[in-house]
Amino acid sequence: MPDLSALAQENRVLFNVALQPIQGDRFQPTGFPNLGAATYQTSVGQKLLVESAQSMANRLETVCWDAASQKPIDALDGISHVTVNRKGQFMTDTMLEAHRLNSPYLLAGTDTSFINKLKADLGGLAEGPIDRRKLAEIVFKYDVGSLIHGLFLAKSELAGGRLRIARAVSAFVEANEVRVAASGGVKNDHVNPSGETKSGFGNVPFARDEYTASEITCFINLDLAQIRGYGLGDDATELIVLLTLHRVRRLLDSDLRLRTACDLEPIERDNITAKRPKDFILPSLADLEASLPGAIKKCKDKMVHETVEFNDELKKAKEKKETTDDNADSQSEA
């Protein structure tokens, strides 16, 4: 069991983890529709958002998922989560869903068994002030990850859509003193170089912007006060803290290949020390994974693994208006 005594009186754990490109100097940041790269000015110069909090939340969960077996990794065997099958085959899971327990595959299908079960459990919260402890108990029962990464049960039949839990852990990646590293290329069509580009034929030249930076930092903020505030008792609190530290360590120990051309690594991986509380060192993956089965066992009577069927038609959104030829081609090659 890792020594977490340094956290006993702390409300937050803050890590500022220095990163570097695994090769070369350039990296490709996240991009947003109609915005592109998210640069912004500060008193110390131009900065860049390399990876957003919402994307990092997904990555922190993905590293805990065994894609080959379609279940949590072995060290997490016994935690609560909800699996969705389609025609008897695995389709998705709350650990993979962007909105976790608020997934439409759980709450918006014609099979209402799960939402009815959730509604019954949440029944006492339908009116009046929200009992935060009861809400935390129910969420812990069905999907403990929602107490780590946040939840908004937006459906009106679930307490009028008032049930929200903020993220207990937030992470994002920023870069300082960034500069554009411009380059480009061409998609070659050796059969028909002058073919119609909007149909995917022809040669298509494109421009490409990557970046360099003086510093790249992964910021991680674990809200211990929020986790204690769930009021779930010592065993559940310990489990949620261990699960959170495990996700952080597993992400930093894995390949931080955020995109094709954004392959980063911690400069100092083996000795990641918190900015707050000072001198707290992120436990090793081996220590965390050795402690998790015992912590999960202590809470096994409070957690379930539900399996739900979603056999509704997978409707498509309305057809989008075709984009201009040149824009479509350049995006596909970027």
C-alpha atoms as a PDB file:
ATOM      1  CA  MET A   1       0.000   0.000   0.000  1.00  0.00           C
ATOM      2  CA  PRO A   2       1.523   3.352  -0.992  1.00  0.00           C
ATOM      3  CA  ASP A   3       2.027   5.847   1.823  1.00  0.00           C
ATOM      4  CA  LEU A   4      -0.706   8.459   1.384  1.00  0.00           C
ATOM      5  CA  SER A   5      -0.362   9.957   4.874  1.00  0.00           C
ATOM      6  CA  ALA A   6       0.950  13.217   3.388  1.00  0.00           C
ATOM      7  CA  LEU A   7      -2.510  13.752   1.853  1.00  0.00           C
ATOM      8  CA  ALA A   8      -4.477  13.327   5.089  1.00  0.00           C
ATOM      9  CA  GLN A   9      -4.817  17.058   5.815  1.00  0.00           C
ATOM     10  CA  GLU A  10      -4.643  18.310   2.242  1.00  0.00           C
ATOM     11  CA  ASN A  11      -7.513  19.566   0.112  1.00  0.00           C
ATOM     12  CA  ARG A  12      -5.711  19.377  -3.218  1.00  0.00           C
ATOM     13  CA  VAL A  13      -2.902  17.490  -4.902  1.00  0.00           C
ATOM     14  CA  LEU A  14      -1.291  19.475  -7.711  1.00  0.00           C
ATOM     15  CA  PHE A  15       1.205  18.101 -10.206  1.00  0.00           C
ATOM     16  CA  ASN A  16       2.999  20.156 -12.858  1.00  0.00           C
ATOM     17  CA  VAL A  17       4.666  17.504 -15.012  1.00  0.00           C
ATOM     18  CA  ALA A  18       7.218  18.741 -17.557  1.00  0.00           C
ATOM     19  CA  LEU A  19       6.882  17.050 -20.943  1.00  0.00           C
ATOM     20  CA  GLN A  20       9.004  16.972 -24.082  1.00  0.00           C
ATOM     21  CA  PRO A  21       8.524  15.632 -27.619  1.00  0.00           C
ATOM     22  CA  ILE A  22       9.775  12.086 -27.739  1.00  0.00           C
ATOM     23  CA  GLN A  23      11.660  12.966 -30.958  1.00  0.00           C
ATOM     24  CA  GLY A  24      12.612  16.313 -32.452  1.00  0.00           C
ATOM     25  CA  ASP A  25      11.173  19.663 -31.345  1.00  0.00           C
ATOM     26  CA  ARG A  26       7.783  19.891 -33.072  1.00  0.00           C
ATOM     27  CA  PHE A  27       4.369  18.770 -31.862  1.00  0.00           C
ATOM     28  CA  GLN A  28       0.805  18.970 -33.122  1.00  0.00           C
ATOM     29  CA  PRO A  29      -1.685  20.540 -30.672  1.00  0.00           C
ATOM     30  CA  THR A  30      -5.386  19.848 -30.401  1.00  0.00           C
ATOM     31  CA  GLY A  31      -7.510  21.738 -32.933  1.00  0.00           C
ATOM     32  CA  PHE A  32     -11.028  23.099 -32.711  1.00  0.00           C
ATOM     33  CA  PRO A  33     -13.639  23.625 -35.471  1.00  0.00           C
ATOM     34  CA  ASN A  34     -13.554  27.185 -36.854  1.00  0.00           C
ATOM     35  CA  LEU A  35     -10.608  27.978 -34.550  1.00  0.00           C
ATOM     36  CA  GLY A  36      -7.742  25.608 -35.236  1.00  0.00           C
ATOM     37  CA  ALA A  37      -4.938  25.654 -32.703  1.00  0.00           C
ATOM     38  CA  ALA A  38      -5.898  27.371 -29.424  1.00  0.00           C
ATOM     39  CA  THR A  39      -3.200  30.015 -28.911  1.00  0.00           C
ATOM     40  CA  TYR A  40      -3.586  32.855 -26.426  1.00  0.00           C
ATOM     41  CA  GLN A  41      -1.586  35.755 -25.064  1.00  0.00           C
ATOM     42  CA  THR A  42      -0.401  36.080 -21.463  1.00  0.00           C
ATOM     43  CA  SER A  43       1.860  38.538 -19.657  1.00  0.00           C
ATOM     44  CA  VAL A  44       4.825  36.273 -20.459  1.00  0.00           C
ATOM     45  CA  GLY A  45       4.057  35.742 -24.128  1.00  0.00           C
ATOM     46  CA  GLN A  46       2.091  33.467 -26.412  1.00  0.00           C
ATOM     47  CA  LYS A  47       0.895  30.143 -25.023  1.00  0.00           C
ATOM     48  CA  LEU A  48      -0.916  27.191 -26.542  1.00  0.00           C
ATOM     49  CA  LEU A  49      -3.457  24.667 -25.279  1.00  0.00           C
ATOM     50  CA  VAL A  50      -1.985  21.311 -26.301  1.00  0.00           C
ATOM     51  CA  GLU A  51      -4.700  19.089 -24.772  1.00  0.00           C
ATOM     52  CA  SER A  52      -7.992  20.096 -23.135  1.00  0.00           C
ATOM     53  CA  ALA A  53      -9.405  18.941 -19.782  1.00  0.00           C
ATOM     54  CA  GLN A  54     -12.213  17.006 -21.446  1.00  0.00           C
ATOM     55  CA  SER A  55      -9.814  15.156 -23.725  1.00  0.00           C
ATOM     56  CA  MET A  56      -7.458  14.351 -20.844  1.00  0.00           C
ATOM     57  CA  ALA A  57     -10.400  12.913 -18.874  1.00  0.00           C
ATOM     58  CA  ASN A  58     -11.070  10.514 -21.727  1.00  0.00           C
ATOM     59  CA  ARG A  59      -7.389   9.558 -21.863  1.00  0.00           C
ATOM     60  CA  LEU A  60      -7.271   8.924 -18.112  1.00  0.00           C
ATOM     61  CA  GLU A  61     -10.096   6.416 -18.541  1.00  0.00           C
ATOM     62  CA  THR A  62      -8.835   4.860 -21.745  1.00  0.00           C
ATOM     63  CA  VAL A  63      -5.570   3.750 -20.105  1.00  0.00           C
ATOM     64  CA  CYS A  64      -7.674   1.716 -17.637  1.00  0.00           C
ATOM     65  CA  TRP A  65      -9.601  -0.136 -20.342  1.00  0.00           C
ATOM     66  CA  ASP A  66      -8.526  -3.468 -21.870  1.00  0.00           C
ATOM     67  CA  ALA A  67      -9.678  -3.079 -25.482  1.00  0.00           C
ATOM     68  CA  ALA A  68      -8.822  -6.673 -26.364  1.00  0.00           C
ATOM     69  CA  SER A  69     -11.109  -8.073 -23.665  1.00  0.00           C
ATOM     70  CA  GLN A  70     -13.602  -5.158 -23.636  1.00  0.00           C
ATOM     71  CA  LYS A  71     -13.442  -4.711 -19.876  1.00  0.00           C
ATOM     72  CA  PRO A  72     -11.448  -2.799 -17.243  1.00  0.00           C
ATOM     73  CA  ILE A  73      -7.835  -3.911 -16.853  1.00  0.00           C
ATOM     74  CA  ASP A  74      -7.272  -6.786 -14.411  1.00  0.00           C
ATOM     75  CA  ALA A  75      -6.102  -4.517 -11.572  1.00  0.00           C
ATOM     76  CA  LEU A  76      -9.570  -2.893 -11.582  1.00  0.00           C
ATOM     77  CA  ASP A  77     -11.578  -6.090 -11.524  1.00  0.00           C
ATOM     78  CA  GLY A  78     -14.622  -5.488  -9.313  1.00  0.00           C
ATOM     79  CA  ILE A  79     -15.137  -1.748  -9.796  1.00  0.00           C
ATOM     80  CA  SER A  80     -18.592  -0.493 -10.732  1.00  0.00           C
ATOM     81  CA  HIS A  81     -19.388   0.318 -14.360  1.00  0.00           C
ATOM     82  CA  VAL A  82     -22.163  -0.339 -16.854  1.00  0.00           C
ATOM     83  CA  THR A  83     -21.654  -2.339 -20.051  1.00  0.00           C
ATOM     84  CA  VAL A  84     -23.972  -1.905 -23.039  1.00  0.00           C
ATOM     85  CA  ASN A  85     -24.488  -4.806 -25.422  1.00  0.00           C
ATOM     86  CA  ARG A  86     -26.131  -4.741 -28.823  1.00  0.00           C
ATOM     87  CA  LYS A  87     -27.741  -7.968 -30.019  1.00  0.00           C
ATOM     88  CA  GLY A  88     -25.779  -9.843 -27.414  1.00  0.00           C
ATOM     89  CA  GLN A  89     -22.417  -8.361 -28.402  1.00  0.00           C
ATOM     90  CA  PHE A  90     -20.363  -5.713 -26.620  1.00  0.00           C
ATOM     91  CA  MET A  91     -21.089  -2.191 -27.892  1.00  0.00           C
ATOM     92  CA  THR A  92     -19.847   0.307 -25.282  1.00  0.00           C
ATOM     93  CA  ASP A  93     -19.325   0.931 -21.567  1.00  0.00           C
ATOM     94  CA  THR A  94     -19.623   3.847 -19.164  1.00  0.00           C
ATOM     95  CA  MET A  95     -15.804   3.891 -19.026  1.00  0.00           C
ATOM     96  CA  LEU A  96     -15.795   4.684 -22.743  1.00  0.00           C
ATOM     97  CA  GLU A  97     -18.832   6.942 -22.980  1.00  0.00           C
ATOM     98  CA  ALA A  98     -18.218  10.707 -23.100  1.00  0.00           C
ATOM     99  CA  HIS A  99     -21.058  11.340 -20.629  1.00  0.00           C
ATOM    100  CA  ARG A 100     -20.694   8.091 -18.682  1.00  0.00           C
ATOM    101  CA  LEU A 101     -23.956   7.331 -16.819  1.00  0.00           C
ATOM    102  CA  ASN A 102     -25.696  10.031 -18.865  1.00  0.00           C
ATOM    103  CA  SER A 103     -25.015   8.078 -22.051  1.00  0.00           C
ATOM    104  CA  PRO A 104     -28.011   7.905 -24.433  1.00  0.00           C
ATOM    105  CA  TYR A 105     -27.291   4.187 -24.859  1.00  0.00           C
ATOM    106  CA  LEU A 106     -28.223   3.790 -21.182  1.00  0.00           C
ATOM    107  CA  LEU A 107     -30.948   6.368 -20.768  1.00  0.00           C
ATOM    108  CA  ALA A 108     -32.563   7.015 -24.166  1.00  0.00           C
ATOM    109  CA  GLY A 109     -33.250   3.550 -25.582  1.00  0.00           C
ATOM    110  CA  THR A 110     -36.592   1.737 -25.730  1.00  0.00           C
ATOM    111  CA  ASP A 111     -35.289  -0.656 -23.065  1.00  0.00           C
ATOM    112  CA  THR A 112     -35.985   1.428 -19.986  1.00  0.00           C
ATOM    113  CA  SER A 113     -34.881  -1.120 -17.406  1.00  0.00           C
ATOM    114  CA  PHE A 114     -31.737   0.754 -16.391  1.00  0.00           C
ATOM    115  CA  ILE A 115     -33.222   4.243 -16.287  1.00  0.00           C
ATOM    116  CA  ASN A 116     -36.134   2.872 -14.249  1.00  0.00           C
ATOM    117  CA  LYS A 117     -33.689   1.293 -11.829  1.00  0.00           C
ATOM    118  CA  LEU A 118     -31.729   4.550 -11.587  1.00  0.00           C
ATOM    119  CA  LYS A 119     -34.950   6.524 -11.190  1.00  0.00           C
ATOM    120  CA  ALA A 120     -36.069   4.269  -8.345  1.00  0.00           C
ATOM    121  CA  ASP A 121     -32.713   4.628  -6.574  1.00  0.00           C
ATOM    122  CA  LEU A 122     -32.782   8.404  -7.054  1.00  0.00           C
ATOM    123  CA  GLY A 123     -36.447   8.703  -6.130  1.00  0.00           C
ATOM    124  CA  GLY A 124     -35.848  10.546  -2.891  1.00  0.00           C
ATOM    125  CA  LEU A 125     -33.977  13.266  -4.763  1.00  0.00           C
ATOM    126  CA  ALA A 126     -36.850  14.227  -7.041  1.00  0.00           C
ATOM    127  CA  GLU A 127     -37.874  17.252  -4.981  1.00  0.00           C
ATOM    128  CA  GLY A 128     -36.202  19.614  -2.560  1.00  0.00           C
ATOM    129  CA  PRO A 129     -32.485  20.101  -1.970  1.00  0.00           C
ATOM    130  CA  ILE A 130     -30.190  17.438  -3.437  1.00  0.00           C
ATOM    131  CA  ASP A 131     -28.897  14.928  -0.893  1.00  0.00           C
ATOM    132  CA  ARG A 132     -25.290  14.906  -2.128  1.00  0.00           C
ATOM    133  CA  ARG A 133     -24.320  11.883  -0.055  1.00  0.00           C
ATOM    134  CA  LYS A 134     -27.173   9.771  -1.415  1.00  0.00           C
ATOM    135  CA  LEU A 135     -26.329  10.855  -4.961  1.00  0.00           C
ATOM    136  CA  ALA A 136     -22.680   9.882  -4.403  1.00  0.00           C
ATOM    137  CA  GLU A 137     -23.715   6.479  -2.995  1.00  0.00           C
ATOM    138  CA  ILE A 138     -25.824   5.708  -6.076  1.00  0.00           C
ATOM    139  CA  VAL A 139     -23.160   6.878  -8.512  1.00  0.00           C
ATOM    140  CA  PHE A 140     -20.516   4.882  -6.599  1.00  0.00           C
ATOM    141  CA  LYS A 141     -22.764   1.841  -6.927  1.00  0.00           C
ATOM    142  CA  TYR A 142     -23.132   2.036 -10.708  1.00  0.00           C
ATOM    143  CA  ASP A 143     -20.054   3.860 -12.038  1.00  0.00           C
ATOM    144  CA  VAL A 144     -17.319   4.933  -9.648  1.00  0.00           C
ATOM    145  CA  GLY A 145     -15.526   6.693 -12.512  1.00  0.00           C
ATOM    146  CA  SER A 146     -18.301   9.289 -12.575  1.00  0.00           C
ATOM    147  CA  LEU A 147     -17.202  10.396  -9.088  1.00  0.00           C
ATOM    148  CA  ILE A 148     -13.700  10.962 -10.493  1.00  0.00           C
ATOM    149  CA  HIS A 149     -14.459  12.526 -13.868  1.00  0.00           C
ATOM    150  CA  GLY A 150     -17.785  14.224 -13.125  1.00  0.00           C
ATOM    151  CA  LEU A 151     -21.373  13.654 -14.181  1.00  0.00           C
ATOM    152  CA  PHE A 152     -24.433  15.598 -15.313  1.00  0.00           C
ATOM    153  CA  LEU A 153     -27.643  13.561 -15.389  1.00  0.00           C
ATOM    154  CA  ALA A 154     -29.459  15.907 -17.746  1.00  0.00           C
ATOM    155  CA  LYS A 155     -32.724  14.005 -18.194  1.00  0.00           C
ATOM    156  CA  SER A 156     -35.745  15.730 -16.631  1.00  0.00           C
ATOM    157  CA  GLU A 157     -37.160  12.487 -15.221  1.00  0.00           C
ATOM    158  CA  LEU A 158     -34.034  12.103 -13.071  1.00  0.00           C
ATOM    159  CA  ALA A 159     -34.673  14.722 -10.372  1.00  0.00           C
ATOM    160  CA  GLY A 160     -35.500  17.340 -12.986  1.00  0.00           C
ATOM    161  CA  GLY A 161     -32.043  17.250 -14.544  1.00  0.00           C
ATOM    162  CA  ARG A 162     -30.465  18.794 -11.428  1.00  0.00           C
ATOM    163  CA  LEU A 163     -27.983  16.039 -10.572  1.00  0.00           C
ATOM    164  CA  ARG A 164     -24.426  17.165 -11.194  1.00  0.00           C
ATOM    165  CA  ILE A 165     -21.007  16.149  -9.908  1.00  0.00           C
ATOM    166  CA  ALA A 166     -17.942  18.231 -10.749  1.00  0.00           C
ATOM    167  CA  ARG A 167     -14.674  16.633 -11.847  1.00  0.00           C
ATOM    168  CA  ALA A 168     -12.602  15.444  -8.880  1.00  0.00           C
ATOM    169  CA  VAL A 169      -9.541  15.306 -11.119  1.00  0.00           C
ATOM    170  CA  SER A 170      -8.776  17.731 -13.934  1.00  0.00           C
ATOM    171  CA  ALA A 171      -5.790  17.638 -16.248  1.00  0.00           C
ATOM    172  CA  PHE A 172      -4.694  19.665 -19.252  1.00  0.00           C
ATOM    173  CA  VAL A 173      -1.519  20.314 -21.217  1.00  0.00           C
ATOM    174  CA  GLU A 174      -0.167  23.774 -22.039  1.00  0.00           C
ATOM    175  CA  ALA A 175       2.918  25.028 -23.864  1.00  0.00           C
ATOM    176  CA  ASN A 176       4.880  28.269 -23.259  1.00  0.00           C
ATOM    177  CA  GLU A 177       6.617  30.583 -25.735  1.00  0.00           C
ATOM    178  CA  VAL A 178       5.250  28.732 -28.721  1.00  0.00           C
ATOM    179  CA  ARG A 179       6.261  29.295 -32.319  1.00  0.00           C
ATOM    180  CA  VAL A 180       4.719  27.982 -35.512  1.00  0.00           C
ATOM    181  CA  ALA A 181       6.703  25.322 -37.357  1.00  0.00           C
ATOM    182  CA  ALA A 182       5.185  25.567 -40.834  1.00  0.00           C
ATOM    183  CA  SER A 183       5.493  22.730 -43.332  1.00  0.00           C
ATOM    184  CA  GLY A 184       3.346  21.033 -45.928  1.00  0.00           C
ATOM    185  CA  GLY A 185       3.018  18.239 -48.390  1.00  0.00           C
ATOM    186  CA  VAL A 186       0.924  16.831 -51.177  1.00  0.00           C
ATOM    187  CA  LYS A 187      -1.476  13.931 -51.490  1.00  0.00           C
ATOM    188  CA  ASN A 188      -0.369  12.275 -54.708  1.00  0.00           C
ATOM    189  CA  ASP A 189      -2.652  10.481 -57.178  1.00  0.00           C
ATOM    190  CA  HIS A 190      -0.257   8.629 -59.473  1.00  0.00           C
ATOM    191  CA  VAL A 191      -3.147   7.311 -61.588  1.00  0.00           C
ATOM    192  CA  ASN A 192      -4.973  10.543 -62.313  1.00  0.00           C
ATOM    193  CA  PRO A 193      -3.073  13.587 -60.973  1.00  0.00           C
ATOM    194  CA  SER A 194      -5.618  16.041 -62.422  1.00  0.00           C
ATOM    195  CA  GLY A 195      -8.649  14.131 -61.149  1.00  0.00           C
ATOM    196  CA  GLU A 196     -11.655  15.682 -59.439  1.00  0.00           C
ATOM    197  CA  THR A 197     -10.469  16.522 -55.916  1.00  0.00           C
ATOM    198  CA  LYS A 198     -13.933  16.704 -54.319  1.00  0.00           C
ATOM    199  CA  SER A 199     -14.368  13.015 -55.117  1.00  0.00           C
ATOM    200  CA  GLY A 200     -11.005  12.084 -53.653  1.00  0.00           C
ATOM    201  CA  PHE A 201      -8.999  11.972 -56.894  1.00  0.00           C
ATOM    202  CA  GLY A 202      -6.086  14.115 -58.086  1.00  0.00           C
ATOM    203  CA  ASN A 203      -3.009  15.651 -56.492  1.00  0.00           C
ATOM    204  CA  VAL A 204      -3.796  17.859 -53.480  1.00  0.00           C
ATOM    205  CA  PRO A 205      -1.105  20.127 -51.991  1.00  0.00           C
ATOM    206  CA  PHE A 206      -1.653  21.193 -48.396  1.00  0.00           C
ATOM    207  CA  ALA A 207      -0.078  23.423 -45.735  1.00  0.00           C
ATOM    208  CA  ARG A 208       0.538  22.243 -42.191  1.00  0.00           C
ATOM    209  CA  ASP A 209       1.248  24.110 -38.948  1.00  0.00           C
ATOM    210  CA  GLU A 210       2.946  22.402 -36.023  1.00  0.00           C
ATOM    211  CA  TYR A 211       4.549  24.142 -33.035  1.00  0.00           C
ATOM    212  CA  THR A 212       7.709  24.342 -30.958  1.00  0.00           C
ATOM    213  CA  ALA A 213       7.772  25.534 -27.345  1.00  0.00           C
ATOM    214  CA  SER A 214      10.196  26.427 -24.577  1.00  0.00           C
ATOM    215  CA  GLU A 215       8.121  24.379 -22.108  1.00  0.00           C
ATOM    216  CA  ILE A 216       5.287  21.849 -22.274  1.00  0.00           C
ATOM    217  CA  THR A 217       3.542  21.045 -19.002  1.00  0.00           C
ATOM    218  CA  CYS A 218       0.819  18.594 -17.993  1.00  0.00           C
ATOM    219  CA  PHE A 219      -1.158  20.123 -15.109  1.00  0.00           C
ATOM    220  CA  ILE A 220      -3.075  17.730 -12.839  1.00  0.00           C
ATOM    221  CA  ASN A 221      -5.420  18.848 -10.064  1.00  0.00           C
ATOM    222  CA  LEU A 222      -6.898  16.255  -7.668  1.00  0.00           C
ATOM    223  CA  ASP A 223      -9.617  17.664  -5.393  1.00  0.00           C
ATOM    224  CA  LEU A 224      -9.360  15.625  -2.188  1.00  0.00           C
ATOM    225  CA  ALA A 225     -11.866  17.852  -0.397  1.00  0.00           C
ATOM    226  CA  GLN A 226     -14.523  17.020  -2.970  1.00  0.00           C
ATOM    227  CA  ILE A 227     -13.855  13.283  -2.638  1.00  0.00           C
ATOM    228  CA  ARG A 228     -14.102  13.443   1.165  1.00  0.00           C
ATOM    229  CA  GLY A 229     -17.247  15.530   0.763  1.00  0.00           C
ATOM    230  CA  TYR A 230     -19.022  12.609  -0.879  1.00  0.00           C
ATOM    231  CA  GLY A 231     -19.341  11.222   2.671  1.00  0.00           C
ATOM    232  CA  LEU A 232     -18.878   7.630   1.580  1.00  0.00           C
ATOM    233  CA  GLY A 233     -16.654   6.538   4.468  1.00  0.00           C
ATOM    234  CA  ASP A 234     -12.963   5.772   4.759  1.00  0.00           C
ATOM    235  CA  ASP A 235     -12.864   2.673   2.543  1.00  0.00           C
ATOM    236  CA  ALA A 236     -14.686   4.252  -0.399  1.00  0.00           C
ATOM    237  CA  THR A 237     -12.716   7.495  -0.040  1.00  0.00           C
ATOM    238  CA  GLU A 238      -9.447   5.570  -0.059  1.00  0.00           C
ATOM    239  CA  LEU A 239     -10.542   3.622  -3.117  1.00  0.00           C
ATOM    240  CA  ILE A 240     -11.481   6.752  -5.104  1.00  0.00           C
ATOM    241  CA  VAL A 241      -8.124   8.403  -4.261  1.00  0.00           C
ATOM    242  CA  LEU A 242      -6.218   5.259  -5.246  1.00  0.00           C
ATOM    243  CA  LEU A 243      -8.184   4.938  -8.476  1.00  0.00           C
ATOM    244  CA  THR A 244      -7.420   8.552  -9.343  1.00  0.00           C
ATOM    245  CA  LEU A 245      -3.689   8.310  -8.615  1.00  0.00           C
ATOM    246  CA  HIS A 246      -3.607   5.050 -10.556  1.00  0.00           C
ATOM    247  CA  ARG A 247      -5.088   6.725 -13.648  1.00  0.00           C
ATOM    248  CA  VAL A 248      -2.615   9.579 -13.418  1.00  0.00           C
ATOM    249  CA  ARG A 249       0.374   7.250 -13.027  1.00  0.00           C
ATOM    250  CA  ARG A 250      -0.822   4.906 -15.742  1.00  0.00           C
ATOM    251  CA  LEU A 251      -1.289   7.786 -18.181  1.00  0.00           C
ATOM    252  CA  LEU A 252       2.144   9.268 -17.471  1.00  0.00           C
ATOM    253  CA  ASP A 253       3.807   5.846 -17.730  1.00  0.00           C
ATOM    254  CA  SER A 254       2.098   5.099 -21.044  1.00  0.00           C
ATOM    255  CA  ASP A 255       2.926   6.508 -24.442  1.00  0.00           C
ATOM    256  CA  LEU A 256       1.539  10.041 -24.441  1.00  0.00           C
ATOM    257  CA  ARG A 257       0.897   9.942 -28.153  1.00  0.00           C
ATOM    258  CA  LEU A 258      -1.944  12.434 -28.185  1.00  0.00           C
ATOM    259  CA  ARG A 259      -2.072  12.632 -31.983  1.00  0.00           C
ATOM    260  CA  THR A 260      -0.096  11.356 -34.959  1.00  0.00           C
ATOM    261  CA  ALA A 261       2.429  14.180 -34.635  1.00  0.00           C
ATOM    262  CA  CYS A 262       2.088  14.821 -30.896  1.00  0.00           C
ATOM    263  CA  ASP A 263       4.149  12.169 -29.128  1.00  0.00           C
ATOM    264  CA  LEU A 264       5.226  13.404 -25.692  1.00  0.00           C
ATOM    265  CA  GLU A 265       6.898  11.968 -22.605  1.00  0.00           C
ATOM    266  CA  PRO A 266       7.633  13.212 -19.058  1.00  0.00           C
ATOM    267  CA  ILE A 267      11.169  14.616 -18.764  1.00  0.00           C
ATOM    268  CA  GLU A 268      11.428  12.967 -15.327  1.00  0.00           C
ATOM    269  CA  ARG A 269       9.108   9.966 -15.259  1.00  0.00           C
ATOM    270  CA  ASP A 270      10.407   8.059 -12.227  1.00  0.00           C
ATOM    271  CA  ASN A 271      10.288  10.837  -9.674  1.00  0.00           C
ATOM    272  CA  ILE A 272       7.130  12.862 -10.249  1.00  0.00           C
ATOM    273  CA  THR A 273       6.805  15.179  -7.248  1.00  0.00           C
ATOM    274  CA  ALA A 274       3.728  17.233  -6.465  1.00  0.00           C
ATOM    275  CA  LYS A 275       3.815  20.998  -6.374  1.00  0.00           C
ATOM    276  CA  ARG A 276       1.283  20.682  -3.528  1.00  0.00           C
ATOM    277  CA  PRO A 277       1.716  19.123  -1.013  1.00  0.00           C
ATOM    278  CA  LYS A 278       5.448  19.538  -1.434  1.00  0.00           C
ATOM    279  CA  ASP A 279       7.528  16.386  -1.416  1.00  0.00           C
ATOM    280  CA  PHE A 280       4.578  14.090  -2.169  1.00  0.00           C
ATOM    281  CA  ILE A 281       5.815  11.685  -4.821  1.00  0.00           C
ATOM    282  CA  LEU A 282       3.342  10.036  -7.178  1.00  0.00           C
ATOM    283  CA  PRO A 283       3.401   6.322  -6.203  1.00  0.00           C
ATOM    284  CA  SER A 284       4.715   3.815  -8.687  1.00  0.00           C
ATOM    285  CA  LEU A 285       2.347   1.889 -10.923  1.00  0.00           C
ATOM    286  CA  ALA A 286       3.402  -1.368  -9.265  1.00  0.00           C
ATOM    287  CA  ASP A 287       2.568  -0.076  -5.771  1.00  0.00           C
ATOM    288  CA  LEU A 288      -0.803   1.309  -6.868  1.00  0.00           C
ATOM    289  CA  GLU A 289      -1.835  -1.824  -8.750  1.00  0.00           C
ATOM    290  CA  ALA A 290      -0.792  -4.000  -5.824  1.00  0.00           C
ATOM    291  CA  SER A 291      -3.032  -2.023  -3.462  1.00  0.00           C
ATOM    292  CA  LEU A 292      -6.140  -1.755  -5.654  1.00  0.00           C
ATOM    293  CA  PRO A 293      -7.548  -5.316  -5.348  1.00  0.00           C
ATOM    294  CA  GLY A 294      -7.648  -5.052  -1.541  1.00  0.00           C
ATOM    295  CA  ALA A 295      -9.241  -1.598  -1.657  1.00  0.00           C
ATOM    296  CA  ILE A 296     -11.843  -2.791  -4.190  1.00  0.00           C
ATOM    297  CA  LYS A 297     -12.600  -5.859  -2.061  1.00  0.00           C
ATOM    298  CA  LYS A 298     -13.424  -3.647   0.937  1.00  0.00           C
ATOM    299  CA  CYS A 299     -16.108  -1.914  -1.158  1.00  0.00           C
ATOM    300  CA  LYS A 300     -17.387  -4.875  -3.166  1.00  0.00           C
ATOM    301  CA  ASP A 301     -20.812  -4.832  -1.489  1.00  0.00           C
ATOM    302  CA  LYS A 302     -21.342  -1.205  -2.528  1.00  0.00           C
ATOM    303  CA  MET A 303     -20.548  -1.602  -6.243  1.00  0.00           C
ATOM    304  CA  VAL A 304     -22.163  -3.518  -9.111  1.00  0.00           C
ATOM    305  CA  HIS A 305     -21.423  -4.258 -12.746  1.00  0.00           C
ATOM    306  CA  GLU A 306     -24.615  -3.829 -14.753  1.00  0.00           C
ATOM    307  CA  THR A 307     -25.141  -5.019 -18.318  1.00  0.00           C
ATOM    308  CA  VAL A 308     -27.752  -3.295 -20.476  1.00  0.00           C
ATOM    309  CA  GLU A 309     -29.043  -4.065 -23.992  1.00  0.00           C
ATOM    310  CA  PHE A 310     -29.404  -1.326 -26.619  1.00  0.00           C
ATOM    311  CA  ASN A 311     -31.044  -2.744 -29.746  1.00  0.00           C
ATOM    312  CA  ASP A 312     -32.649   0.430 -31.110  1.00  0.00           C
ATOM    313  CA  GLU A 313     -31.986   1.689 -34.610  1.00  0.00           C
ATOM    314  CA  LEU A 314     -28.754   3.683 -34.805  1.00  0.00           C
ATOM    315  CA  LYS A 315     -30.185   6.746 -36.503  1.00  0.00           C
ATOM    316  CA  LYS A 316     -27.942   9.014 -38.532  1.00  0.00           C
ATOM    317  CA  ALA A 317     -27.893  12.781 -38.251  1.00  0.00           C
ATOM    318  CA  LYS A 318     -29.143  14.790 -41.201  1.00  0.00           C
ATOM    319  CA  GLU A 319     -26.804  14.892 -44.156  1.00  0.00           C
ATOM    320  CA  LYS A 320     -24.317  17.720 -43.832  1.00  0.00           C
ATOM    321  CA  LYS A 321     -23.970  20.232 -46.615  1.00  0.00           C
ATOM    322  CA  GLU A 322     -20.893  19.407 -48.622  1.00  0.00           C
ATOM    323  CA  THR A 323     -17.861  21.489 -47.787  1.00  0.00           C
ATOM    324  CA  THR A 324     -15.878  23.274 -50.432  1.00  0.00           C
ATOM    325  CA  ASP A 325     -13.527  21.072 -52.409  1.00  0.00           C
ATOM    326  CA  ASP A 326     -10.226  22.569 -51.394  1.00  0.00           C
ATOM    327  CA  ASN A 327     -11.115  22.784 -47.703  1.00  0.00           C
ATOM    328  CA  ALA A 328     -12.274  19.166 -47.564  1.00  0.00           C
ATOM    329  CA  ASP A 329      -9.110  17.934 -49.238  1.00  0.00           C
ATOM    330  CA  SER A 330      -6.717  19.915 -47.102  1.00  0.00           C
ATOM    331  CA  GLN A 331      -8.373  18.744 -43.867  1.00  0.00           C
ATOM    332  CA  SER A 332      -8.226  15.117 -44.866  1.00  0.00           C
ATOM    333  CA  GLU A 333      -4.510  15.354 -45.438  1.00  0.00           C
ATOM    334  CA  ALA A 334      -3.573  17.504 -42.440  1.00  0.00           C
END
